[in-house]
Amino acid sequence: MGEVTGAVEATIRGWIAGGELKSGDRLPSERSMVADLGASRSTIRLVLVRLVAEGLVKSEHGRGYFVC
């Protein structure tokens, strides 16, 4: 895992662990995370897919990503 990928993943996990995002909350859009976290869209998607696989977040087609 690259440095940027690790930082993005740590940030999103921090939002959830810190209570900034709670169960059922929608994560920021990919576009806004690209701008806010300084990562490429493919990096954001890679992290989101990993978090979905772990069951930490879920994807709803056309709606976005939500905390489980």
C-alpha atoms as a PDB file:
ATOM      1  CA  MET A   1       0.000   0.000   0.000  1.00  0.00           C
ATOM      2  CA  GLY A   2       1.337   3.395  -0.939  1.00  0.00           C
ATOM      3  CA  GLU A   3       1.800   6.353   1.342  1.00  0.00           C
ATOM      4  CA  VAL A   4      -1.168   8.301  -0.056  1.00  0.00           C
ATOM      5  CA  THR A   5      -3.436   5.230  -0.017  1.00  0.00           C
ATOM      6  CA  GLY A   6      -2.535   4.566   3.612  1.00  0.00           C
ATOM      7  CA  ALA A   7      -3.193   8.175   4.561  1.00  0.00           C
ATOM      8  CA  VAL A   8      -6.600   8.187   2.850  1.00  0.00           C
ATOM      9  CA  GLU A   9      -7.575   4.929   4.529  1.00  0.00           C
ATOM     10  CA  ALA A  10      -6.410   6.202   7.937  1.00  0.00           C
ATOM     11  CA  THR A  11      -8.390   9.413   7.475  1.00  0.00           C
ATOM     12  CA  ILE A  12     -11.651   7.650   6.611  1.00  0.00           C
ATOM     13  CA  ARG A  13     -11.173   5.148   9.443  1.00  0.00           C
ATOM     14  CA  GLY A  14     -10.493   8.103  11.757  1.00  0.00           C
ATOM     15  CA  TRP A  15     -13.746   9.791  10.752  1.00  0.00           C
ATOM     16  CA  ILE A  16     -15.620   6.628  11.670  1.00  0.00           C
ATOM     17  CA  ALA A  17     -13.681   5.725  14.830  1.00  0.00           C
ATOM     18  CA  GLY A  18     -13.804   9.319  16.063  1.00  0.00           C
ATOM     19  CA  GLY A  19     -17.562   9.543  15.658  1.00  0.00           C
ATOM     20  CA  GLU A  20     -17.443  12.163  12.917  1.00  0.00           C
ATOM     21  CA  LEU A  21     -19.311   9.627  10.771  1.00  0.00           C
ATOM     22  CA  LYS A  22     -21.755   7.293  12.498  1.00  0.00           C
ATOM     23  CA  SER A  23     -23.629   4.198  11.380  1.00  0.00           C
ATOM     24  CA  GLY A  24     -25.908   5.101   8.483  1.00  0.00           C
ATOM     25  CA  ASP A  25     -24.074   8.341   7.657  1.00  0.00           C
ATOM     26  CA  ARG A  26     -23.100   8.975   4.057  1.00  0.00           C
ATOM     27  CA  LEU A  27     -19.407   9.409   3.329  1.00  0.00           C
ATOM     28  CA  PRO A  28     -18.357  12.504   1.382  1.00  0.00           C
ATOM     29  CA  SER A  29     -18.513  12.102  -2.386  1.00  0.00           C
ATOM     30  CA  GLU A  30     -15.504  10.690  -4.209  1.00  0.00           C
ATOM     31  CA  ARG A  31     -15.040  14.053  -5.865  1.00  0.00           C
ATOM     32  CA  SER A  32     -14.960  15.944  -2.581  1.00  0.00           C
ATOM     33  CA  MET A  33     -12.561  13.405  -1.031  1.00  0.00           C
ATOM     34  CA  VAL A  34     -10.252  13.822  -4.042  1.00  0.00           C
ATOM     35  CA  ALA A  35     -10.168  17.567  -3.413  1.00  0.00           C
ATOM     36  CA  ASP A  36      -9.984  17.392   0.396  1.00  0.00           C
ATOM     37  CA  LEU A  37      -7.513  14.522   0.750  1.00  0.00           C
ATOM     38  CA  GLY A  38      -5.294  15.282  -2.243  1.00  0.00           C
ATOM     39  CA  ALA A  39      -5.557  11.778  -3.681  1.00  0.00           C
ATOM     40  CA  SER A  40      -6.557  10.525  -7.114  1.00  0.00           C
ATOM     41  CA  ARG A  41     -10.036   9.168  -7.709  1.00  0.00           C
ATOM     42  CA  SER A  42      -8.611   5.693  -8.303  1.00  0.00           C
ATOM     43  CA  THR A  43      -6.913   5.817  -4.890  1.00  0.00           C
ATOM     44  CA  ILE A  44     -10.172   6.866  -3.208  1.00  0.00           C
ATOM     45  CA  ARG A  45     -12.009   4.039  -4.960  1.00  0.00           C
ATOM     46  CA  LEU A  46      -9.349   1.505  -3.966  1.00  0.00           C
ATOM     47  CA  VAL A  47      -9.720   2.458  -0.309  1.00  0.00           C
ATOM     48  CA  LEU A  48     -13.531   2.407  -0.497  1.00  0.00           C
ATOM     49  CA  VAL A  49     -13.525  -1.062  -2.087  1.00  0.00           C
ATOM     50  CA  ARG A  50     -11.232  -2.280   0.706  1.00  0.00           C
ATOM     51  CA  LEU A  51     -13.527  -0.819   3.388  1.00  0.00           C
ATOM     52  CA  VAL A  52     -16.587  -2.376   1.721  1.00  0.00           C
ATOM     53  CA  ALA A  53     -14.839  -5.770   1.689  1.00  0.00           C
ATOM     54  CA  GLU A  54     -14.212  -5.411   5.441  1.00  0.00           C
ATOM     55  CA  GLY A  55     -17.857  -4.503   6.060  1.00  0.00           C
ATOM     56  CA  LEU A  56     -17.012  -1.079   7.488  1.00  0.00           C
ATOM     57  CA  VAL A  57     -18.920   0.762   4.760  1.00  0.00           C
ATOM     58  CA  LYS A  58     -21.468  -0.227   2.140  1.00  0.00           C
ATOM     59  CA  SER A  59     -22.062   1.031  -1.364  1.00  0.00           C
ATOM     60  CA  GLU A  60     -25.519   1.959  -2.632  1.00  0.00           C
ATOM     61  CA  HIS A  61     -25.591   2.328  -6.403  1.00  0.00           C
ATOM     62  CA  GLY A  62     -26.291   5.922  -7.396  1.00  0.00           C
ATOM     63  CA  ARG A  63     -26.354   7.104  -3.781  1.00  0.00           C
ATOM     64  CA  GLY A  64     -22.819   6.722  -2.473  1.00  0.00           C
ATOM     65  CA  TYR A  65     -21.058   5.038   0.415  1.00  0.00           C
ATOM     66  CA  PHE A  66     -22.520   4.670   3.879  1.00  0.00           C
ATOM     67  CA  VAL A  67     -21.085   3.654   7.240  1.00  0.00           C
ATOM     68  CA  CYS A  68     -22.321   0.210   8.347  1.00  0.00           C
END
